[in-house]
Amino acid sequence: MSDTTTLGAQVDELRRLIRRHEYLYYVLDRPEITDAEFDRLFQRLLRIEQAHPELITADSPTQRVGGRPVEGFASVQHKAAMLSLDNAYSADELVEFEARIKRALPDERIAYVIEPKVDGLGVALLYEHGRFVRGATRGDGRYGEDVTQNLMTVRSLPHRLHGSFTTYAALEVRGEVFMWRQAFDRLNRGLEADGDEPFANPRNAAAGSVRQKDSRITASRPLDIFIYGVSYAEPDPFTDHWRAMEQLLEAGFLLDPKDRKTTLERYRRRCAGIEDAVAVCREIEAARDEIGCDCDGVVVKVDAIEQQRRLGSTTHHPRWAIAYKFPARQATSAIRKIDISVGRTGALTPTALLDPVEIAGATISRATLHNADEIERLDIREGDTVLVERAGDVIPHILRVIHERRPAHSTPFRFPTRCPVCGADAFRPEGEVVSRCTNSACLARLKESLLHFGSRRAMDIEHLGEAVVEQLVDRALVREFADLYRMNVETLAGLERLAQKSATNLYHAIQGSKGRGLSRLLFALGLRYVGEHVAAIVARHYGSMDRLEQALEAELAEIYGIGPRIAQSVALYFRQPENRRQIERLREVGVAMEEAGVSAAPRPLAGKAFVLTGGLETLTRDEAKELIAQAGGRVTSSVSSKTDYVVVGKDPGSKFDDATRLGVPTLDEAAFKKLIGRV
């Protein structure tokens, strides 16, 4: 047996194990191995594929992480047209839906399947002999965009189906790519922390993520998929929709996506008649806020496939299915004023101040307008009557302007070119959608920065709320972060609505935040693109503010998980004299500048450049990189004359040959562990 044949067998077995454990973890939520054990399996497969590219297949688990950017999306034809759905808005309209079916199928018993109508991006997934070969957006219903590479990164989408589906020449299933609300909120918090524009709602986030030209971005987004139908099968063994969905679940599809707390599956029901279906629709409507993702209705489908065929379709929708739409969470209101607020990074954010209107049990008086481009796109003006939507917990937003009700003398809104608070120039960098105040001393920016500095995920200063910050800044008591730590109880007690006890509590909360550590301090300082995760990486790598202040941009960019954009932002921050002075003043008032658990002593690998090749027996690649970083070294992707060491594991690739050719010292695993003190 040849070496290639043996490696091929190893690769097949590793892929089988990885797929099995992905299914246990992501579908059944019953992991049998630890994350570290899974990582070792994955890294072992990755090492073999890197050393033997001829063994890589498109459906390998390693290909989920996202590939190189594509220029555009090709147009592909669906196996069957992706039609829309007819809508019902009341129980009476559902009864009329059944009456139409009964007229077409007299004297037949009709059963229904009820499913949540998940609000996401509709896709068609094509499998051949159980292998995922193509994924496409809905497009115009007949032709969609080929987004296969991006859909390959969605964890809940199986690359291969189990069981009898491997014998199917072709199987096309339909689904909805979506985000759970909790995942969406986390994504938006991360985008805002990095200074990027947040998404308006989960549907936009899902659609925008799937249509990224760089699938690595798609892979970083918390996407899930809900499968709701089979549109084509060769051969066609299904007798009813319910059983088809059950078989797809058994074959590896995540029909029951989880955010570990909520499930869609319990809202999928089989009903004997339309009366039962109406009751289930009302039950799901009452629970819509508990589902965990945005659902704008319920889909009622005839269960029997043969009955579906005989009922047929119009050019617009199938006659055997209907969407029962929940009452709209929309209303019309008039825009009193367009208000521009200033954030801690100087971002100018427009908000529509509305005549109060009731939407889904809440009084709405504000709606986000996102940015100047959105105002221009919708041609939103002060005095306009607009359609406002409130979806889940998302901030209300404007869907459209009702132009026929526009005042006769209205004029287009002019987005300010100066900060509305301090009057400084507002600058919009090329390629960005946000204009920013250029005055670092702007009081509006200071207030937002102080609120961020004291927030729970930053320095965690309890009781430091909006009302307190407003007074501290307006009374000129605080002009920088260090001023907070100079406050005494008497000064704080002099603020409005802050009694002696509250002032004492706030004082102790401020003083108690001094020891939060470097990672929290970095996040609190508000460096652009530096969220919690990045702050933790940088803090672990450098250990102290002193070391970080001396870091070069190129050195920062080499840290695993950082990259050039973040490195440039961090280096630029520390090049600004005022920022250095601010850190020095924080140091003077006793704020800790070290990360707990990271030694302040000189590190043995400081400044050393490492390259890793091959697989290590006792460490994953990420663990090895972390150990090198903690010891002061950095990991680069290629061998050069500037490389200090190449760590060589099993099945090394061409980097080992490069090291030999260039005379770069090599270390086996034992020597590497000895060097970093892990013998």
Foldseek 3Di string as FASTA:
>chain_A
DDPVVVLLVLLVVLQVVLLVQLLCCFAVVHHPDDPFVSLQSVLQNVQSCVFPVVSDDCQRLVLLLFDAFDPAFDKDFDPAFDFDFAADADLVVLVVLVVVLCVLVPPDFWKKKKFFAFQAWKKKWKDALFATDWIFTNPPRGMGTTLPSLVSNQSQDHRGWDDPSSVWRMWIFMKGKWAFPVLLVVVQVLCVLQVHFRDQFTRCVRVVLSRGSTSNSVNVGNIHMATQGTDDTHVDDDFWRVVVVVSRSNGRHNNWGDPPQATRVVLIDMGRDSVVVNVSQVVCLVCQLVRRGFTQFMKMFGIGPVSQVSQAPDPHHGSGMHTHGYPFQKDKWAFQDWDWAAELQQWTWTKTQTDWDDGPRDTDGIAGQRFPVSCVVQQDFHGFIFMWGDTRPGGIHTDHTPVVRHDPPTDGDDDDQADPQPRAGWDDDPPGRTTGHPDNQGLSSVLNLLCLCCDCQALVQPPPDNQQSVVCSVVVQDRAPLSLLVDDLVVSCPRPPQHSVNSVSNNCSSVVSLEVFQLSNVSSNSQNRRHSVNSVQVQLLQFFPVSLLPDDLVQQCQQPPQHNVNSVSSNVQSVDPVSVVSVVSSVVSRRGGGHPPQDPDQALQAPAEEEEFEDDDPDRPVRLQSLCSSSRYGYDHADDLRHQEYEYEPSGHCRVVVCVVNVHHYHYPVRSCVSSVND
